Amino acid sequence: VSHAHNKTRRRFLPNLQVASLVSTTLGESVRMRLCTNALRTVEHKGGLDEYLLDTRDVNLTPEMIRLKKRVRKAQAAA
């Protein structure tokens, strides 16, 4: 703190990591940037496919919504 008591505003940024997650339905690996909390949630749900199907579209990025549609289509075909 300076003599004038000027303070710099603290910024809280998400802990983003690049992760490669396997889609069991599609049989391929998907690289994405996600925070560690989301990575824990994916593990808790039982994998990427279960996480995508259980998450509302409002909470997903457009790229993840497209992946979710591909997973649904592959499950319907199987």
PDB file of N, CA and C in Angstrom:
ATOM      1  N   VAL A   1       0.860  -1.179   0.000  1.00  0.00           N
ATOM      2  CA  VAL A   1       0.000   0.000   0.000  1.00  0.00           C
ATOM      3  C   VAL A   1       0.897   1.229   0.000  1.00  0.00           C
ATOM      4  N   SER A   2       0.546   2.158  -0.864  1.00  0.00           N
ATOM      5  CA  SER A   2       1.353   3.369  -0.968  1.00  0.00           C
ATOM      6  C   SER A   2       1.023   4.326   0.180  1.00  0.00           C
ATOM      7  N   HIS A   3       1.765   5.419   0.255  1.00  0.00           N
ATOM      8  CA  HIS A   3       1.492   6.427   1.283  1.00  0.00           C
ATOM      9  C   HIS A   3       0.115   7.040   1.093  1.00  0.00           C
ATOM     10  N   ALA A   4      -0.352   7.100  -0.146  1.00  0.00           N
ATOM     11  CA  ALA A   4      -1.677   7.662  -0.423  1.00  0.00           C
ATOM     12  C   ALA A   4      -2.777   6.604  -0.278  1.00  0.00           C
ATOM     13  N   HIS A   5      -2.368   5.398   0.123  1.00  0.00           N
ATOM     14  CA  HIS A   5      -3.306   4.275   0.315  1.00  0.00           C
ATOM     15  C   HIS A   5      -4.030   3.900  -0.971  1.00  0.00           C
ATOM     16  N   ASN A   6      -3.337   4.045  -2.120  1.00  0.00           N
ATOM     17  CA  ASN A   6      -3.912   3.599  -3.391  1.00  0.00           C
ATOM     18  C   ASN A   6      -3.845   2.075  -3.437  1.00  0.00           C
ATOM     19  N   LYS A   7      -4.936   1.471  -3.852  1.00  0.00           N
ATOM     20  CA  LYS A   7      -4.987   0.014  -3.921  1.00  0.00           C
ATOM     21  C   LYS A   7      -5.295  -0.413  -5.351  1.00  0.00           C
ATOM     22  N   THR A   8      -4.662  -1.475  -5.765  1.00  0.00           N
ATOM     23  CA  THR A   8      -4.939  -2.039  -7.080  1.00  0.00           C
ATOM     24  C   THR A   8      -6.041  -3.076  -6.918  1.00  0.00           C
ATOM     25  N   ARG A   9      -7.060  -3.000  -7.778  1.00  0.00           N
ATOM     26  CA  ARG A   9      -8.163  -3.951  -7.695  1.00  0.00           C
ATOM     27  C   ARG A   9      -7.669  -5.351  -8.056  1.00  0.00           C
ATOM     28  N   ARG A  10      -8.046  -6.313  -7.253  1.00  0.00           N
ATOM     29  CA  ARG A  10      -7.659  -7.706  -7.471  1.00  0.00           C
ATOM     30  C   ARG A  10      -8.594  -8.315  -8.504  1.00  0.00           C
ATOM     31  N   ARG A  11      -8.026  -9.078  -9.451  1.00  0.00           N
ATOM     32  CA  ARG A  11      -8.837  -9.771 -10.454  1.00  0.00           C
ATOM     33  C   ARG A  11      -8.786 -11.262 -10.170  1.00  0.00           C
ATOM     34  N   PHE A  12      -9.941 -11.890 -10.124  1.00  0.00           N
ATOM     35  CA  PHE A  12     -10.028 -13.327  -9.920  1.00  0.00           C
ATOM     36  C   PHE A  12     -10.331 -13.969 -11.265  1.00  0.00           C
ATOM     37  N   LEU A  13      -9.364 -14.691 -11.804  1.00  0.00           N
ATOM     38  CA  LEU A  13      -9.509 -15.321 -13.106  1.00  0.00           C
ATOM     39  C   LEU A  13      -9.657 -16.833 -12.937  1.00  0.00           C
ATOM     40  N   PRO A  14     -10.398 -17.487 -13.825  1.00  0.00           N
ATOM     41  CA  PRO A  14     -10.542 -18.938 -13.720  1.00  0.00           C
ATOM     42  C   PRO A  14      -9.226 -19.647 -14.027  1.00  0.00           C
ATOM     43  N   ASN A  15      -9.054 -20.786 -13.402  1.00  0.00           N
ATOM     44  CA  ASN A  15      -7.849 -21.596 -13.589  1.00  0.00           C
ATOM     45  C   ASN A  15      -8.047 -22.472 -14.826  1.00  0.00           C
ATOM     46  N   LEU A  16      -7.829 -21.894 -16.020  1.00  0.00           N
ATOM     47  CA  LEU A  16      -8.060 -22.612 -17.267  1.00  0.00           C
ATOM     48  C   LEU A  16      -6.893 -23.529 -17.600  1.00  0.00           C
ATOM     49  N   GLN A  17      -7.231 -24.731 -18.026  1.00  0.00           N
ATOM     50  CA  GLN A  17      -6.246 -25.725 -18.418  1.00  0.00           C
ATOM     51  C   GLN A  17      -6.656 -26.307 -19.765  1.00  0.00           C
ATOM     52  N   VAL A  18      -5.677 -26.723 -20.555  1.00  0.00           N
ATOM     53  CA  VAL A  18      -5.971 -27.436 -21.797  1.00  0.00           C
ATOM     54  C   VAL A  18      -6.007 -28.921 -21.448  1.00  0.00           C
ATOM     55  N   ALA A  19      -7.152 -29.550 -21.715  1.00  0.00           N
ATOM     56  CA  ALA A  19      -7.317 -30.962 -21.383  1.00  0.00           C
ATOM     57  C   ALA A  19      -7.782 -31.722 -22.612  1.00  0.00           C
ATOM     58  N   SER A  20      -7.370 -32.959 -22.697  1.00  0.00           N
ATOM     59  CA  SER A  20      -7.802 -33.842 -23.767  1.00  0.00           C
ATOM     60  C   SER A  20      -8.706 -34.896 -23.143  1.00  0.00           C
ATOM     61  N   LEU A  21     -10.003 -34.825 -23.452  1.00  0.00           N
ATOM     62  CA  LEU A  21     -10.982 -35.740 -22.871  1.00  0.00           C
ATOM     63  C   LEU A  21     -11.474 -36.702 -23.938  1.00  0.00           C
ATOM     64  N   VAL A  22     -11.734 -37.933 -23.539  1.00  0.00           N
ATOM     65  CA  VAL A  22     -12.155 -38.968 -24.479  1.00  0.00           C
ATOM     66  C   VAL A  22     -13.672 -39.093 -24.460  1.00  0.00           C
ATOM     67  N   SER A  23     -14.264 -39.032 -25.652  1.00  0.00           N
ATOM     68  CA  SER A  23     -15.688 -39.292 -25.812  1.00  0.00           C
ATOM     69  C   SER A  23     -15.845 -40.769 -26.145  1.00  0.00           C
ATOM     70  N   THR A  24     -16.451 -41.522 -25.221  1.00  0.00           N
ATOM     71  CA  THR A  24     -16.593 -42.967 -25.433  1.00  0.00           C
ATOM     72  C   THR A  24     -17.595 -43.261 -26.545  1.00  0.00           C
ATOM     73  N   THR A  25     -18.611 -42.443 -26.676  1.00  0.00           N
ATOM     74  CA  THR A  25     -19.622 -42.655 -27.717  1.00  0.00           C
ATOM     75  C   THR A  25     -19.044 -42.427 -29.104  1.00  0.00           C
ATOM     76  N   LEU A  26     -18.286 -41.332 -29.262  1.00  0.00           N
ATOM     77  CA  LEU A  26     -17.716 -41.006 -30.565  1.00  0.00           C
ATOM     78  C   LEU A  26     -16.415 -41.761 -30.823  1.00  0.00           C
ATOM     79  N   GLY A  27     -15.786 -42.238 -29.758  1.00  0.00           N
ATOM     80  CA  GLY A  27     -14.529 -42.961 -29.905  1.00  0.00           C
ATOM     81  C   GLY A  27     -13.375 -42.073 -30.319  1.00  0.00           C
ATOM     82  N   GLU A  28     -13.390 -40.831 -29.875  1.00  0.00           N
ATOM     83  CA  GLU A  28     -12.308 -39.907 -30.226  1.00  0.00           C
ATOM     84  C   GLU A  28     -11.966 -39.022 -29.041  1.00  0.00           C
ATOM     85  N   SER A  29     -10.793 -38.425 -29.116  1.00  0.00           N
ATOM     86  CA  SER A  29     -10.311 -37.529 -28.077  1.00  0.00           C
ATOM     87  C   SER A  29     -10.608 -36.089 -28.474  1.00  0.00           C
ATOM     88  N   VAL A  30     -11.049 -35.290 -27.503  1.00  0.00           N
ATOM     89  CA  VAL A  30     -11.417 -33.901 -27.763  1.00  0.00           C
ATOM     90  C   VAL A  30     -10.568 -33.001 -26.874  1.00  0.00           C
ATOM     91  N   ARG A  31      -9.838 -32.072 -27.505  1.00  0.00           N
ATOM     92  CA  ARG A  31      -9.039 -31.106 -26.742  1.00  0.00           C
ATOM     93  C   ARG A  31      -9.876 -29.862 -26.485  1.00  0.00           C
ATOM     94  N   MET A  32      -9.838 -29.375 -25.244  1.00  0.00           N
ATOM     95  CA  MET A  32     -10.607 -28.176 -24.905  1.00  0.00           C
ATOM     96  C   MET A  32      -9.957 -27.455 -23.740  1.00  0.00           C
ATOM     97  N   ARG A  33     -10.286 -26.173 -23.638  1.00  0.00           N
ATOM     98  CA  ARG A  33      -9.842 -25.372 -22.498  1.00  0.00           C
ATOM     99  C   ARG A  33     -10.986 -25.329 -21.502  1.00  0.00           C
ATOM    100  N   LEU A  34     -10.727 -25.793 -20.296  1.00  0.00           N
ATOM    101  CA  LEU A  34     -11.748 -25.726 -19.271  1.00  0.00           C
ATOM    102  C   LEU A  34     -11.094 -25.523 -17.920  1.00  0.00           C
ATOM    103  N   CYS A  35     -11.856 -24.971 -16.992  1.00  0.00           N
ATOM    104  CA  CYS A  35     -11.309 -24.698 -15.671  1.00  0.00           C
ATOM    105  C   CYS A  35     -11.238 -26.005 -14.884  1.00  0.00           C
ATOM    106  N   THR A  36     -10.445 -26.009 -13.842  1.00  0.00           N
ATOM    107  CA  THR A  36     -10.235 -27.223 -13.063  1.00  0.00           C
ATOM    108  C   THR A  36     -11.526 -27.670 -12.393  1.00  0.00           C
ATOM    109  N   ASN A  37     -12.392 -26.727 -12.039  1.00  0.00           N
ATOM    110  CA  ASN A  37     -13.670 -27.089 -11.432  1.00  0.00           C
ATOM    111  C   ASN A  37     -14.528 -27.858 -12.430  1.00  0.00           C
ATOM    112  N   ALA A  38     -14.537 -27.436 -13.685  1.00  0.00           N
ATOM    113  CA  ALA A  38     -15.292 -28.144 -14.721  1.00  0.00           C
ATOM    114  C   ALA A  38     -14.695 -29.525 -14.962  1.00  0.00           C
ATOM    115  N   LEU A  39     -13.381 -29.635 -14.893  1.00  0.00           N
ATOM    116  CA  LEU A  39     -12.720 -30.928 -15.069  1.00  0.00           C
ATOM    117  C   LEU A  39     -13.141 -31.894 -13.962  1.00  0.00           C
ATOM    118  N   ARG A  40     -13.238 -31.387 -12.742  1.00  0.00           N
ATOM    119  CA  ARG A  40     -13.709 -32.208 -11.617  1.00  0.00           C
ATOM    120  C   ARG A  40     -15.159 -32.635 -11.825  1.00  0.00           C
ATOM    121  N   THR A  41     -15.974 -31.731 -12.370  1.00  0.00           N
ATOM    122  CA  THR A  41     -17.379 -32.045 -12.620  1.00  0.00           C
ATOM    123  C   THR A  41     -17.513 -33.128 -13.679  1.00  0.00           C
ATOM    124  N   VAL A  42     -16.691 -33.053 -14.733  1.00  0.00           N
ATOM    125  CA  VAL A  42     -16.710 -34.077 -15.781  1.00  0.00           C
ATOM    126  C   VAL A  42     -16.375 -35.435 -15.172  1.00  0.00           C
ATOM    127  N   GLU A  43     -15.359 -35.491 -14.324  1.00  0.00           N
ATOM    128  CA  GLU A  43     -14.986 -36.745 -13.667  1.00  0.00           C
ATOM    129  C   GLU A  43     -16.121 -37.244 -12.770  1.00  0.00           C
ATOM    130  N   HIS A  44     -16.779 -36.325 -12.069  1.00  0.00           N
ATOM    131  CA  HIS A  44     -17.864 -36.684 -11.151  1.00  0.00           C
ATOM    132  C   HIS A  44     -19.062 -37.268 -11.899  1.00  0.00           C
ATOM    133  N   LYS A  45     -19.367 -36.705 -13.068  1.00  0.00           N
ATOM    134  CA  LYS A  45     -20.514 -37.167 -13.860  1.00  0.00           C
ATOM    135  C   LYS A  45     -20.240 -38.511 -14.521  1.00  0.00           C
ATOM    136  N   GLY A  46     -18.973 -38.890 -14.657  1.00  0.00           N
ATOM    137  CA  GLY A  46     -18.652 -40.184 -15.238  1.00  0.00           C
ATOM    138  C   GLY A  46     -18.085 -40.113 -16.635  1.00  0.00           C
ATOM    139  N   GLY A  47     -17.660 -38.952 -17.066  1.00  0.00           N
ATOM    140  CA  GLY A  47     -17.044 -38.826 -18.384  1.00  0.00           C
ATOM    141  C   GLY A  47     -17.616 -37.665 -19.166  1.00  0.00           C
ATOM    142  N   LEU A  48     -16.998 -37.401 -20.308  1.00  0.00           N
ATOM    143  CA  LEU A  48     -17.372 -36.249 -21.130  1.00  0.00           C
ATOM    144  C   LEU A  48     -18.788 -36.376 -21.674  1.00  0.00           C
ATOM    145  N   ASP A  49     -19.146 -37.554 -22.181  1.00  0.00           N
ATOM    146  CA  ASP A  49     -20.473 -37.731 -22.777  1.00  0.00           C
ATOM    147  C   ASP A  49     -21.583 -37.505 -21.749  1.00  0.00           C
ATOM    148  N   GLU A  50     -21.431 -38.093 -20.575  1.00  0.00           N
ATOM    149  CA  GLU A  50     -22.435 -37.939 -19.524  1.00  0.00           C
ATOM    150  C   GLU A  50     -22.532 -36.482 -19.078  1.00  0.00           C
ATOM    151  N   TYR A  51     -21.378 -35.813 -18.997  1.00  0.00           N
ATOM    152  CA  TYR A  51     -21.374 -34.402 -18.607  1.00  0.00           C
ATOM    153  C   TYR A  51     -22.125 -33.552 -19.624  1.00  0.00           C
ATOM    154  N   LEU A  52     -21.847 -33.759 -20.908  1.00  0.00           N
ATOM    155  CA  LEU A  52     -22.499 -32.965 -21.951  1.00  0.00           C
ATOM    156  C   LEU A  52     -24.002 -33.197 -21.970  1.00  0.00           C
ATOM    157  N   LEU A  53     -24.423 -34.455 -21.868  1.00  0.00           N
ATOM    158  CA  LEU A  53     -25.846 -34.766 -21.940  1.00  0.00           C
ATOM    159  C   LEU A  53     -26.598 -34.289 -20.703  1.00  0.00           C
ATOM    160  N   ASP A  54     -25.890 -34.143 -19.586  1.00  0.00           N
ATOM    161  CA  ASP A  54     -26.531 -33.745 -18.334  1.00  0.00           C
ATOM    162  C   ASP A  54     -26.499 -32.234 -18.113  1.00  0.00           C
ATOM    163  N   THR A  55     -25.764 -31.494 -18.949  1.00  0.00           N
ATOM    164  CA  THR A  55     -25.605 -30.051 -18.781  1.00  0.00           C
ATOM    165  C   THR A  55     -26.505 -29.303 -19.751  1.00  0.00           C
ATOM    166  N   ARG A  56     -27.137 -28.234 -19.276  1.00  0.00           N
ATOM    167  CA  ARG A  56     -28.014 -27.429 -20.121  1.00  0.00           C
ATOM    168  C   ARG A  56     -27.191 -26.665 -21.152  1.00  0.00           C
ATOM    169  N   ASP A  57     -27.789 -26.447 -22.333  1.00  0.00           N
ATOM    170  CA  ASP A  57     -27.092 -25.761 -23.427  1.00  0.00           C
ATOM    171  C   ASP A  57     -26.681 -24.343 -23.050  1.00  0.00           C
ATOM    172  N   VAL A  58     -27.423 -23.710 -22.159  1.00  0.00           N
ATOM    173  CA  VAL A  58     -27.114 -22.335 -21.741  1.00  0.00           C
ATOM    174  C   VAL A  58     -25.732 -22.268 -21.099  1.00  0.00           C
ATOM    175  N   ASN A  59     -25.337 -23.349 -20.440  1.00  0.00           N
ATOM    176  CA  ASN A  59     -24.060 -23.372 -19.723  1.00  0.00           C
ATOM    177  C   ASN A  59     -22.901 -23.903 -20.560  1.00  0.00           C
ATOM    178  N   LEU A  60     -23.150 -24.214 -21.834  1.00  0.00           N
ATOM    179  CA  LEU A  60     -22.108 -24.753 -22.702  1.00  0.00           C
ATOM    180  C   LEU A  60     -21.729 -23.749 -23.782  1.00  0.00           C
ATOM    181  N   THR A  61     -20.492 -23.838 -24.248  1.00  0.00           N
ATOM    182  CA  THR A  61     -20.046 -23.000 -25.361  1.00  0.00           C
ATOM    183  C   THR A  61     -20.638 -23.555 -26.658  1.00  0.00           C
ATOM    184  N   PRO A  62     -20.705 -22.747 -27.709  1.00  0.00           N
ATOM    185  CA  PRO A  62     -21.240 -23.242 -28.992  1.00  0.00           C
ATOM    186  C   PRO A  62     -20.512 -24.489 -29.501  1.00  0.00           C
ATOM    187  N   GLU A  63     -19.205 -24.552 -29.278  1.00  0.00           N
ATOM    188  CA  GLU A  63     -18.431 -25.725 -29.702  1.00  0.00           C
ATOM    189  C   GLU A  63     -18.884 -26.977 -28.942  1.00  0.00           C
ATOM    190  N   MET A  64     -19.137 -26.828 -27.640  1.00  0.00           N
ATOM    191  CA  MET A  64     -19.570 -27.966 -26.836  1.00  0.00           C
ATOM    192  C   MET A  64     -21.004 -28.377 -27.172  1.00  0.00           C
ATOM    193  N   ILE A  65     -21.838 -27.417 -27.578  1.00  0.00           N
ATOM    194  CA  ILE A  65     -23.208 -27.742 -27.994  1.00  0.00           C
ATOM    195  C   ILE A  65     -23.172 -28.586 -29.263  1.00  0.00           C
ATOM    196  N   ARG A  66     -22.281 -28.238 -30.198  1.00  0.00           N
ATOM    197  CA  ARG A  66     -22.134 -29.039 -31.420  1.00  0.00           C
ATOM    198  C   ARG A  66     -21.668 -30.458 -31.083  1.00  0.00           C
ATOM    199  N   LEU A  67     -20.725 -30.566 -30.145  1.00  0.00           N
ATOM    200  CA  LEU A  67     -20.237 -31.879 -29.724  1.00  0.00           C
ATOM    201  C   LEU A  67     -21.359 -32.676 -29.056  1.00  0.00           C
ATOM    202  N   LYS A  68     -22.175 -32.004 -28.266  1.00  0.00           N
ATOM    203  CA  LYS A  68     -23.303 -32.649 -27.594  1.00  0.00           C
ATOM    204  C   LYS A  68     -24.288 -33.223 -28.615  1.00  0.00           C
ATOM    205  N   LYS A  69     -24.549 -32.471 -29.688  1.00  0.00           N
ATOM    206  CA  LYS A  69     -25.454 -32.945 -30.742  1.00  0.00           C
ATOM    207  C   LYS A  69     -24.870 -34.169 -31.444  1.00  0.00           C
ATOM    208  N   ARG A  70     -23.543 -34.161 -31.679  1.00  0.00           N
ATOM    209  CA  ARG A  70     -22.890 -35.315 -32.304  1.00  0.00           C
ATOM    210  C   ARG A  70     -22.999 -36.556 -31.415  1.00  0.00           C
ATOM    211  N   VAL A  71     -22.855 -36.366 -30.103  1.00  0.00           N
ATOM    212  CA  VAL A  71     -22.948 -37.485 -29.160  1.00  0.00           C
ATOM    213  C   VAL A  71     -24.367 -38.037 -29.164  1.00  0.00           C
ATOM    214  N   ARG A  72     -25.364 -37.151 -29.125  1.00  0.00           N
ATOM    215  CA  ARG A  72     -26.769 -37.593 -29.155  1.00  0.00           C
ATOM    216  C   ARG A  72     -27.069 -38.382 -30.426  1.00  0.00           C
ATOM    217  N   LYS A  73     -26.579 -37.872 -31.564  1.00  0.00           N
ATOM    218  CA  LYS A  73     -26.818 -38.522 -32.849  1.00  0.00           C
ATOM    219  C   LYS A  73     -26.165 -39.904 -32.881  1.00  0.00           C
ATOM    220  N   ALA A  74     -24.944 -40.008 -32.352  1.00  0.00           N
ATOM    221  CA  ALA A  74     -24.233 -41.285 -32.331  1.00  0.00           C
ATOM    222  C   ALA A  74     -24.930 -42.284 -31.408  1.00  0.00           C
ATOM    223  N   GLN A  75     -25.470 -41.803 -30.285  1.00  0.00           N
ATOM    224  CA  GLN A  75     -26.181 -42.696 -29.368  1.00  0.00           C
ATOM    225  C   GLN A  75     -27.489 -43.179 -29.982  1.00  0.00           C
ATOM    226  N   ALA A  76     -28.165 -42.305 -30.732  1.00  0.00           N
ATOM    227  CA  ALA A  76     -29.424 -42.689 -31.373  1.00  0.00           C
ATOM    228  C   ALA A  76     -29.178 -43.723 -32.471  1.00  0.00           C
ATOM    229  N   ALA A  77     -28.050 -43.602 -33.159  1.00  0.00           N
ATOM    230  CA  ALA A  77     -27.724 -44.533 -34.242  1.00  0.00           C
ATOM    231  C   ALA A  77     -27.311 -45.900 -33.701  1.00  0.00           C
ATOM    232  N   ALA A  78     -26.754 -45.921 -32.504  1.00  0.00           N
ATOM    233  CA  ALA A  78     -26.258 -47.190 -31.930  1.00  0.00           C
ATOM    234  C   ALA A  78     -27.366 -48.029 -31.320  1.00  0.00           C
TER     235      ALA A  78
END
